[in-house]
Amino acid sequence: TSDGVNMSTIANEIGKTKISVAYSNECALRDKGLDCKFCNINA
């Protein structure tokens, strides 16, 4: 990007025509002890 960030950390390829952006790599539910039990986003 123009500020020097690797685009591979911005968007992930998920097929020949699609990309997905995880704008946040953390979830605020951890602060309340309410994480979904199957989820490992914060870890």
All heavy atoms as atom14 arrays in JSON, in Angstrom:
{
  "sequence": "TSDGVNMSTIANEIGKTKISVAYSNECALRDKGLDCKFCNINA",
  "atom14_mask": [
    [1, 1, 1, 1, 1, 1, 1, 0, 0, 0, 0, 0, 0, 0],
    [1, 1, 1, 1, 1, 1, 0, 0, 0, 0, 0, 0, 0, 0],
    [1, 1, 1, 1, 1, 1, 1, 1, 0, 0, 0, 0, 0, 0],
    [1, 1, 1, 1, 0, 0, 0, 0, 0, 0, 0, 0, 0, 0],
    [1, 1, 1, 1, 1, 1, 1, 0, 0, 0, 0, 0, 0, 0],
    [1, 1, 1, 1, 1, 1, 1, 1, 0, 0, 0, 0, 0, 0],
    [1, 1, 1, 1, 1, 1, 1, 1, 0, 0, 0, 0, 0, 0],
    [1, 1, 1, 1, 1, 1, 0, 0, 0, 0, 0, 0, 0, 0],
    [1, 1, 1, 1, 1, 1, 1, 0, 0, 0, 0, 0, 0, 0],
    [1, 1, 1, 1, 1, 1, 1, 1, 0, 0, 0, 0, 0, 0],
    [1, 1, 1, 1, 1, 0, 0, 0, 0, 0, 0, 0, 0, 0],
    [1, 1, 1, 1, 1, 1, 1, 1, 0, 0, 0, 0, 0, 0],
    [1, 1, 1, 1, 1, 1, 1, 1, 1, 0, 0, 0, 0, 0],
    [1, 1, 1, 1, 1, 1, 1, 1, 0, 0, 0, 0, 0, 0],
    [1, 1, 1, 1, 0, 0, 0, 0, 0, 0, 0, 0, 0, 0],
    [1, 1, 1, 1, 1, 1, 1, 1, 1, 0, 0, 0, 0, 0],
    [1, 1, 1, 1, 1, 1, 1, 0, 0, 0, 0, 0, 0, 0],
    [1, 1, 1, 1, 1, 1, 1, 1, 1, 0, 0, 0, 0, 0],
    [1, 1, 1, 1, 1, 1, 1, 1, 0, 0, 0, 0, 0, 0],
    [1, 1, 1, 1, 1, 1, 0, 0, 0, 0, 0, 0, 0, 0],
    [1, 1, 1, 1, 1, 1, 1, 0, 0, 0, 0, 0, 0, 0],
    [1, 1, 1, 1, 1, 0, 0, 0, 0, 0, 0, 0, 0, 0],
    [1, 1, 1, 1, 1, 1, 1, 1, 1, 1, 1, 1, 0, 0],
    [1, 1, 1, 1, 1, 1, 0, 0, 0, 0, 0, 0, 0, 0],
    [1, 1, 1, 1, 1, 1, 1, 1, 0, 0, 0, 0, 0, 0],
    [1, 1, 1, 1, 1, 1, 1, 1, 1, 0, 0, 0, 0, 0],
    [1, 1, 1, 1, 1, 1, 0, 0, 0, 0, 0, 0, 0, 0],
    [1, 1, 1, 1, 1, 0, 0, 0, 0, 0, 0, 0, 0, 0],
    [1, 1, 1, 1, 1, 1, 1, 1, 0, 0, 0, 0, 0, 0],
    [1, 1, 1, 1, 1, 1, 1, 1, 1, 1, 1, 0, 0, 0],
    [1, 1, 1, 1, 1, 1, 1, 1, 0, 0, 0, 0, 0, 0],
    [1, 1, 1, 1, 1, 1, 1, 1, 1, 0, 0, 0, 0, 0],
    [1, 1, 1, 1, 0, 0, 0, 0, 0, 0, 0, 0, 0, 0],
    [1, 1, 1, 1, 1, 1, 1, 1, 0, 0, 0, 0, 0, 0],
    [1, 1, 1, 1, 1, 1, 1, 1, 0, 0, 0, 0, 0, 0],
    [1, 1, 1, 1, 1, 1, 0, 0, 0, 0, 0, 0, 0, 0],
    [1, 1, 1, 1, 1, 1, 1, 1, 1, 0, 0, 0, 0, 0],
    [1, 1, 1, 1, 1, 1, 1, 1, 1, 1, 1, 0, 0, 0],
    [1, 1, 1, 1, 1, 1, 0, 0, 0, 0, 0, 0, 0, 0],
    [1, 1, 1, 1, 1, 1, 1, 1, 0, 0, 0, 0, 0, 0],
    [1, 1, 1, 1, 1, 1, 1, 1, 0, 0, 0, 0, 0, 0],
    [1, 1, 1, 1, 1, 1, 1, 1, 0, 0, 0, 0, 0, 0],
    [1, 1, 1, 1, 1, 0, 0, 0, 0, 0, 0, 0, 0, 0]
  ],
  "atom14_positions": [
    [[0.85, -1.19, 0.0], [0.0, 0.0, 0.0], [0.88, 1.24, 0.0], [2.1, 1.16, 0.18], [-0.91, 0.01, 1.23], [-0.09, 0.01, 2.42], [-1.8, -1.23, 1.27], [0.0, 0.0, 0.0], [0.0, 0.0, 0.0], [0.0, 0.0, 0.0], [0.0, 0.0, 0.0], [0.0, 0.0, 0.0], [0.0, 0.0, 0.0], [0.0, 0.0, 0.0]],
    [[0.28, 2.41, -0.19], [1.04, 3.65, -0.24], [1.76, 3.95, 1.08], [2.74, 4.7, 1.09], [0.13, 4.82, -0.61], [-0.93, 4.96, 0.32], [0.0, 0.0, 0.0], [0.0, 0.0, 0.0], [0.0, 0.0, 0.0], [0.0, 0.0, 0.0], [0.0, 0.0, 0.0], [0.0, 0.0, 0.0], [0.0, 0.0, 0.0], [0.0, 0.0, 0.0]],
    [[1.28, 3.37, 2.18], [1.98, 3.56, 3.45], [2.88, 2.38, 3.8], [3.31, 2.22, 4.95], [0.98, 3.84, 4.59], [-0.04, 2.74, 4.77], [-0.08, 1.81, 3.94], [-0.82, 2.81, 5.74], [0.0, 0.0, 0.0], [0.0, 0.0, 0.0], [0.0, 0.0, 0.0], [0.0, 0.0, 0.0], [0.0, 0.0, 0.0], [0.0, 0.0, 0.0]],
    [[3.16, 1.52, 2.81], [4.19, 0.49, 2.97], [3.75, -0.82, 3.57], [4.6, -1.63, 3.96], [0.0, 0.0, 0.0], [0.0, 0.0, 0.0], [0.0, 0.0, 0.0], [0.0, 0.0, 0.0], [0.0, 0.0, 0.0], [0.0, 0.0, 0.0], [0.0, 0.0, 0.0], [0.0, 0.0, 0.0], [0.0, 0.0, 0.0], [0.0, 0.0, 0.0]],
    [[2.45, -1.09, 3.64], [1.96, -2.33, 4.23], [1.79, -3.39, 3.13], [1.3, -3.1, 2.04], [0.61, -2.1, 4.95], [0.04, -3.42, 5.47], [0.79, -1.11, 6.08], [0.0, 0.0, 0.0], [0.0, 0.0, 0.0], [0.0, 0.0, 0.0], [0.0, 0.0, 0.0], [0.0, 0.0, 0.0], [0.0, 0.0, 0.0], [0.0, 0.0, 0.0]],
    [[2.22, -4.61, 3.42], [2.08, -5.7, 2.46], [0.6, -5.98, 2.19], [-0.18, -6.2, 3.12], [2.73, -6.98, 2.99], [4.23, -6.86, 3.08], [4.86, -6.19, 2.27], [4.82, -7.52, 4.07], [0.0, 0.0, 0.0], [0.0, 0.0, 0.0], [0.0, 0.0, 0.0], [0.0, 0.0, 0.0], [0.0, 0.0, 0.0], [0.0, 0.0, 0.0]],
    [[0.22, -5.96, 0.91], [-1.18, -6.19, 0.57], [-1.64, -7.6, 0.92], [-2.85, -7.82, 1.1], [-1.41, -5.9, -0.92], [-1.36, -4.42, -1.25], [-1.84, -4.05, -2.96], [-1.78, -2.25, -2.92], [0.0, 0.0, 0.0], [0.0, 0.0, 0.0], [0.0, 0.0, 0.0], [0.0, 0.0, 0.0], [0.0, 0.0, 0.0], [0.0, 0.0, 0.0]],
    [[-0.71, -8.54, 1.03], [-1.09, -9.91, 1.43], [-1.64, -9.95, 2.84], [-2.34, -10.89, 3.21], [0.12, -10.84, 1.31], [1.16, -10.43, 2.18], [0.0, 0.0, 0.0], [0.0, 0.0, 0.0], [0.0, 0.0, 0.0], [0.0, 0.0, 0.0], [0.0, 0.0, 0.0], [0.0, 0.0, 0.0], [0.0, 0.0, 0.0], [0.0, 0.0, 0.0]],
    [[-1.32, -8.94, 3.66], [-1.87, -8.88, 5.02], [-3.17, -8.1, 5.07], [-3.82, -8.05, 6.12], [-0.86, -8.23, 5.99], [-0.72, -6.82, 5.68], [0.49, -8.9, 5.91], [0.0, 0.0, 0.0], [0.0, 0.0, 0.0], [0.0, 0.0, 0.0], [0.0, 0.0, 0.0], [0.0, 0.0, 0.0], [0.0, 0.0, 0.0], [0.0, 0.0, 0.0]],
    [[-3.56, -7.49, 3.94], [-4.81, -6.73, 3.87], [-5.94, -7.61, 3.37], [-7.02, -7.67, 3.96], [-4.66, -5.51, 2.94], [-3.48, -4.63, 3.37], [-5.97, -4.72, 2.91], [-3.65, -3.98, 4.71], [0.0, 0.0, 0.0], [0.0, 0.0, 0.0], [0.0, 0.0, 0.0], [0.0, 0.0, 0.0], [0.0, 0.0, 0.0], [0.0, 0.0, 0.0]],
    [[-5.7, -8.3, 2.23], [-6.73, -9.13, 1.61], [-6.18, -10.51, 1.31], [-5.03, -10.65, 0.9], [-7.25, -8.48, 0.33], [0.0, 0.0, 0.0], [0.0, 0.0, 0.0], [0.0, 0.0, 0.0], [0.0, 0.0, 0.0], [0.0, 0.0, 0.0], [0.0, 0.0, 0.0], [0.0, 0.0, 0.0], [0.0, 0.0, 0.0], [0.0, 0.0, 0.0]],
    [[-6.99, -11.52, 1.51], [-6.63, -12.9, 1.19], [-7.41, -13.39, -0.01], [-8.62, -13.13, -0.14], [-6.9, -13.83, 2.38], [-5.97, -13.6, 3.55], [-6.28, -13.98, 4.66], [-4.84, -12.95, 3.32], [0.0, 0.0, 0.0], [0.0, 0.0, 0.0], [0.0, 0.0, 0.0], [0.0, 0.0, 0.0], [0.0, 0.0, 0.0], [0.0, 0.0, 0.0]],
    [[-6.74, -14.09, -0.92], [-7.4, -14.73, -2.05], [-8.19, -15.93, -1.56], [-7.69, -16.73, -0.76], [-6.33, -15.18, -3.07], [-6.88, -15.86, -4.31], [-6.94, -17.38, -4.22], [-6.69, -17.94, -3.13], [-7.26, -18.0, -5.23], [0.0, 0.0, 0.0], [0.0, 0.0, 0.0], [0.0, 0.0, 0.0], [0.0, 0.0, 0.0], [0.0, 0.0, 0.0]],
    [[-9.44, -16.06, -2.01], [-10.24, -17.22, -1.63], [-10.83, -17.89, -2.86], [-11.81, -18.63, -2.76], [-11.36, -16.85, -0.63], [-12.21, -15.68, -1.17], [-10.78, -16.52, 0.73], [-13.42, -15.39, -0.33], [0.0, 0.0, 0.0], [0.0, 0.0, 0.0], [0.0, 0.0, 0.0], [0.0, 0.0, 0.0], [0.0, 0.0, 0.0], [0.0, 0.0, 0.0]],
    [[-10.25, -17.65, -4.0], [-10.71, -18.22, -5.26], [-10.18, -17.4, -6.4], [-9.52, -16.38, -6.2], [0.0, 0.0, 0.0], [0.0, 0.0, 0.0], [0.0, 0.0, 0.0], [0.0, 0.0, 0.0], [0.0, 0.0, 0.0], [0.0, 0.0, 0.0], [0.0, 0.0, 0.0], [0.0, 0.0, 0.0], [0.0, 0.0, 0.0], [0.0, 0.0, 0.0]],
    [[-10.44, -17.82, -7.61], [-9.9, -17.13, -8.77], [-10.46, -15.72, -8.94], [-9.87, -14.89, -9.62], [-10.18, -17.96, -10.03], [-9.21, -19.11, -10.24], [-7.8, -18.59, -10.49], [-6.84, -19.72, -10.75], [-5.46, -19.24, -10.95], [0.0, 0.0, 0.0], [0.0, 0.0, 0.0], [0.0, 0.0, 0.0], [0.0, 0.0, 0.0], [0.0, 0.0, 0.0]],
    [[-11.62, -15.43, -8.35], [-12.22, -14.11, -8.56], [-12.62, -13.41, -7.27], [-13.24, -12.35, -7.31], [-13.48, -14.23, -9.45], [-14.49, -14.96, -8.74], [-13.17, -14.93, -10.77], [0.0, 0.0, 0.0], [0.0, 0.0, 0.0], [0.0, 0.0, 0.0], [0.0, 0.0, 0.0], [0.0, 0.0, 0.0], [0.0, 0.0, 0.0], [0.0, 0.0, 0.0]],
    [[-12.27, -13.97, -6.11], [-12.73, -13.41, -4.85], [-11.59, -13.16, -3.87], [-10.63, -13.94, -3.79], [-13.73, -14.35, -4.17], [-15.08, -14.42, -4.83], [-16.01, -15.27, -3.98], [-17.41, -15.33, -4.54], [-18.3, -16.12, -3.68], [0.0, 0.0, 0.0], [0.0, 0.0, 0.0], [0.0, 0.0, 0.0], [0.0, 0.0, 0.0], [0.0, 0.0, 0.0]],
    [[-11.73, -12.07, -3.11], [-10.83, -11.8, -2.01], [-11.65, -11.51, -0.76], [-12.84, -11.18, -0.85], [-9.89, -10.62, -2.31], [-10.68, -9.36, -2.65], [-8.91, -10.98, -3.43], [-9.81, -8.13, -2.83], [0.0, 0.0, 0.0], [0.0, 0.0, 0.0], [0.0, 0.0, 0.0], [0.0, 0.0, 0.0], [0.0, 0.0, 0.0], [0.0, 0.0, 0.0]],
    [[-11.01, -11.64, 0.38], [-11.68, -11.38, 1.65], [-10.75, -10.55, 2.53], [-9.56, -10.83, 2.62], [-12.02, -12.7, 2.35], [-12.74, -12.47, 3.55], [0.0, 0.0, 0.0], [0.0, 0.0, 0.0], [0.0, 0.0, 0.0], [0.0, 0.0, 0.0], [0.0, 0.0, 0.0], [0.0, 0.0, 0.0], [0.0, 0.0, 0.0], [0.0, 0.0, 0.0]],
    [[-11.31, -9.52, 3.15], [-10.55, -8.64, 4.03], [-11.04, -8.82, 5.46], [-12.24, -8.66, 5.73], [-10.71, -7.17, 3.62], [-10.14, -6.24, 4.69], [-10.03, -6.91, 2.28], [0.0, 0.0, 0.0], [0.0, 0.0, 0.0], [0.0, 0.0, 0.0], [0.0, 0.0, 0.0], [0.0, 0.0, 0.0], [0.0, 0.0, 0.0], [0.0, 0.0, 0.0]],
    [[-10.14, -9.19, 6.34], [-10.45, -9.19, 7.77], [-9.89, -7.89, 8.33], [-8.71, -7.78, 8.61], [-9.83, -10.4, 8.46], [0.0, 0.0, 0.0], [0.0, 0.0, 0.0], [0.0, 0.0, 0.0], [0.0, 0.0, 0.0], [0.0, 0.0, 0.0], [0.0, 0.0, 0.0], [0.0, 0.0, 0.0], [0.0, 0.0, 0.0], [0.0, 0.0, 0.0]],
    [[-10.75, -6.88, 8.42], [-10.28, -5.55, 8.81], [-9.72, -5.54, 10.23], [-8.84, -4.77, 10.57], [-11.4, -4.52, 8.68], [-12.57, -4.74, 9.61], [-12.57, -4.26, 10.9], [-13.69, -5.45, 9.18], [-13.63, -4.47, 11.76], [-14.76, -5.67, 10.02], [-14.73, -5.17, 11.3], [-15.79, -5.41, 12.15], [0.0, 0.0, 0.0], [0.0, 0.0, 0.0]],
    [[-10.24, -6.44, 11.07], [-9.81, -6.55, 12.46], [-9.39, -7.98, 12.73], [-10.12, -8.91, 12.42], [-10.96, -6.16, 13.4], [-10.69, -6.57, 14.72], [0.0, 0.0, 0.0], [0.0, 0.0, 0.0], [0.0, 0.0, 0.0], [0.0, 0.0, 0.0], [0.0, 0.0, 0.0], [0.0, 0.0, 0.0], [0.0, 0.0, 0.0], [0.0, 0.0, 0.0]],
    [[-8.2, -8.16, 13.31], [-7.74, -9.51, 13.64], [-7.9, -9.79, 15.13], [-7.14, -10.58, 15.71], [-6.29, -9.72, 13.19], [-5.32, -8.79, 13.9], [-5.7, -7.73, 14.37], [-4.07, -9.2, 13.98], [0.0, 0.0, 0.0], [0.0, 0.0, 0.0], [0.0, 0.0, 0.0], [0.0, 0.0, 0.0], [0.0, 0.0, 0.0], [0.0, 0.0, 0.0]],
    [[-8.89, -9.16, 15.73], [-9.22, -9.44, 17.12], [-10.71, -9.24, 17.31], [-11.39, -8.65, 16.48], [-8.44, -8.53, 18.06], [-8.77, -7.05, 17.89], [-7.96, -6.16, 18.79], [-7.48, -6.64, 19.83], [-7.79, -4.97, 18.46], [0.0, 0.0, 0.0], [0.0, 0.0, 0.0], [0.0, 0.0, 0.0], [0.0, 0.0, 0.0], [0.0, 0.0, 0.0]],
    [[-11.21, -9.76, 18.41], [-12.64, -9.65, 18.7], [-12.83, -9.09, 20.11], [-12.22, -9.58, 21.07], [-13.3, -11.02, 18.6], [-15.08, -11.01, 18.93], [0.0, 0.0, 0.0], [0.0, 0.0, 0.0], [0.0, 0.0, 0.0], [0.0, 0.0, 0.0], [0.0, 0.0, 0.0], [0.0, 0.0, 0.0], [0.0, 0.0, 0.0], [0.0, 0.0, 0.0]],
    [[-13.67, -8.07, 20.23], [-13.9, -7.4, 21.51], [-14.62, -8.28, 22.52], [-14.67, -7.95, 23.71], [-14.68, -6.11, 21.29], [0.0, 0.0, 0.0], [0.0, 0.0, 0.0], [0.0, 0.0, 0.0], [0.0, 0.0, 0.0], [0.0, 0.0, 0.0], [0.0, 0.0, 0.0], [0.0, 0.0, 0.0], [0.0, 0.0, 0.0], [0.0, 0.0, 0.0]],
    [[-15.18, -9.4, 22.07], [-15.89, -10.28, 23.01], [-14.95, -10.88, 24.06], [-15.4, -11.26, 25.13], [-16.6, -11.4, 22.25], [-17.76, -10.97, 21.34], [-18.35, -12.18, 20.63], [-18.84, -10.24, 22.13], [0.0, 0.0, 0.0], [0.0, 0.0, 0.0], [0.0, 0.0, 0.0], [0.0, 0.0, 0.0], [0.0, 0.0, 0.0], [0.0, 0.0, 0.0]],
    [[-13.65, -10.96, 23.73], [-12.7, -11.51, 24.72], [-12.7, -10.69, 26.0], [-12.58, -11.25, 27.1], [-11.3, -11.56, 24.12], [-10.24, -11.91, 25.16], [-8.91, -12.32, 24.57], [-8.26, -11.27, 23.83], [-7.06, -11.42, 23.27], [-6.4, -12.56, 23.38], [-6.51, -10.44, 22.59], [0.0, 0.0, 0.0], [0.0, 0.0, 0.0], [0.0, 0.0, 0.0]],
    [[-12.79, -9.37, 25.86], [-12.74, -8.5, 27.04], [-13.88, -8.79, 28.01], [-13.77, -8.52, 29.21], [-12.79, -7.03, 26.62], [-11.6, -6.65, 25.74], [-10.56, -7.31, 25.84], [-11.74, -5.69, 24.94], [0.0, 0.0, 0.0], [0.0, 0.0, 0.0], [0.0, 0.0, 0.0], [0.0, 0.0, 0.0], [0.0, 0.0, 0.0], [0.0, 0.0, 0.0]],
    [[-14.96, -9.35, 27.49], [-16.11, -9.67, 28.33], [-16.18, -11.15, 28.68], [-17.11, -11.6, 29.34], [-17.41, -9.27, 27.61], [-17.47, -7.8, 27.2], [-18.75, -7.48, 26.44], [-18.79, -6.03, 25.98], [-18.83, -5.09, 27.11], [0.0, 0.0, 0.0], [0.0, 0.0, 0.0], [0.0, 0.0, 0.0], [0.0, 0.0, 0.0], [0.0, 0.0, 0.0]],
    [[-15.18, -11.93, 28.22], [-15.18, -13.37, 28.47], [-16.27, -14.08, 27.71], [-16.78, -15.12, 28.16], [0.0, 0.0, 0.0], [0.0, 0.0, 0.0], [0.0, 0.0, 0.0], [0.0, 0.0, 0.0], [0.0, 0.0, 0.0], [0.0, 0.0, 0.0], [0.0, 0.0, 0.0], [0.0, 0.0, 0.0], [0.0, 0.0, 0.0], [0.0, 0.0, 0.0]],
    [[-16.64, -13.55, 26.52], [-17.78, -14.08, 25.78], [-17.41, -14.56, 24.38], [-18.24, -14.6, 23.48], [-18.88, -13.01, 25.68], [-19.5, -12.55, 27.0], [-20.46, -11.38, 26.77], [-20.23, -13.71, 27.68], [0.0, 0.0, 0.0], [0.0, 0.0, 0.0], [0.0, 0.0, 0.0], [0.0, 0.0, 0.0], [0.0, 0.0, 0.0], [0.0, 0.0, 0.0]],
    [[-16.16, -14.94, 24.18], [-15.74, -15.49, 22.89], [-16.6, -16.69, 22.49], [-17.0, -17.5, 23.35], [-14.29, -15.97, 22.96], [-13.3, -14.85, 22.68], [-13.71, -13.82, 22.17], [-12.1, -15.05, 22.99], [0.0, 0.0, 0.0], [0.0, 0.0, 0.0], [0.0, 0.0, 0.0], [0.0, 0.0, 0.0], [0.0, 0.0, 0.0], [0.0, 0.0, 0.0]],
    [[-16.86, -16.83, 21.19], [-17.46, -18.07, 20.7], [-16.49, -19.22, 20.97], [-15.29, -19.07, 20.77], [-17.75, -17.97, 19.2], [-19.01, -16.74, 18.77], [0.0, 0.0, 0.0], [0.0, 0.0, 0.0], [0.0, 0.0, 0.0], [0.0, 0.0, 0.0], [0.0, 0.0, 0.0], [0.0, 0.0, 0.0], [0.0, 0.0, 0.0], [0.0, 0.0, 0.0]],
    [[-17.02, -20.35, 21.42], [-16.16, -21.43, 21.9], [-15.31, -22.06, 20.79], [-14.26, -22.63, 21.07], [-17.01, -22.53, 22.55], [-17.93, -22.06, 23.66], [-17.2, -21.44, 24.83], [-18.16, -21.1, 25.97], [-17.49, -20.4, 27.08], [0.0, 0.0, 0.0], [0.0, 0.0, 0.0], [0.0, 0.0, 0.0], [0.0, 0.0, 0.0], [0.0, 0.0, 0.0]],
    [[-15.76, -21.96, 19.53], [-15.03, -22.58, 18.42], [-14.0, -21.63, 17.81], [-13.23, -22.02, 16.96], [-16.0, -23.01, 17.32], [-16.88, -21.9, 16.83], [-16.41, -20.94, 15.94], [-18.18, -21.79, 17.29], [-17.22, -19.89, 15.53], [-19.0, -20.74, 16.87], [-18.5, -19.79, 16.0], [0.0, 0.0, 0.0], [0.0, 0.0, 0.0], [0.0, 0.0, 0.0]],
    [[-14.0, -20.37, 18.23], [-13.24, -19.32, 17.55], [-11.87, -19.12, 18.17], [-11.71, -19.13, 19.39], [-14.04, -18.02, 17.59], [-13.24, -16.65, 16.74], [0.0, 0.0, 0.0], [0.0, 0.0, 0.0], [0.0, 0.0, 0.0], [0.0, 0.0, 0.0], [0.0, 0.0, 0.0], [0.0, 0.0, 0.0], [0.0, 0.0, 0.0], [0.0, 0.0, 0.0]],
    [[-10.87, -18.89, 17.31], [-9.51, -18.64, 17.8], [-8.94, -17.33, 17.27], [-7.73, -17.18, 17.15], [-8.59, -19.81, 17.46], [-8.24, -19.89, 15.97], [-8.89, -19.27, 15.13], [-7.23, -20.67, 15.64], [0.0, 0.0, 0.0], [0.0, 0.0, 0.0], [0.0, 0.0, 0.0], [0.0, 0.0, 0.0], [0.0, 0.0, 0.0], [0.0, 0.0, 0.0]],
    [[-9.82, -16.36, 16.95], [-9.33, -15.11, 16.37], [-8.35, -14.39, 17.3], [-7.3, -13.91, 16.87], [-10.51, -14.18, 15.97], [-9.98, -12.93, 15.27], [-11.39, -13.85, 17.16], [-11.07, -12.06, 14.68], [0.0, 0.0, 0.0], [0.0, 0.0, 0.0], [0.0, 0.0, 0.0], [0.0, 0.0, 0.0], [0.0, 0.0, 0.0], [0.0, 0.0, 0.0]],
    [[-8.66, -14.33, 18.59], [-7.78, -13.62, 19.51], [-6.49, -14.38, 19.76], [-5.41, -13.78, 19.83], [-8.52, -13.35, 20.83], [-9.6, -12.28, 20.68], [-9.36, -11.21, 20.13], [-10.8, -12.59, 21.14], [0.0, 0.0, 0.0], [0.0, 0.0, 0.0], [0.0, 0.0, 0.0], [0.0, 0.0, 0.0], [0.0, 0.0, 0.0], [0.0, 0.0, 0.0]],
    [[-6.57, -15.71, 19.85], [-5.35, -16.51, 20.0], [-4.47, -16.4, 18.76], [-3.24, -16.37, 18.85], [-5.73, -17.98, 20.24], [0.0, 0.0, 0.0], [0.0, 0.0, 0.0], [0.0, 0.0, 0.0], [0.0, 0.0, 0.0], [0.0, 0.0, 0.0], [0.0, 0.0, 0.0], [0.0, 0.0, 0.0], [0.0, 0.0, 0.0], [0.0, 0.0, 0.0]]
  ]
}
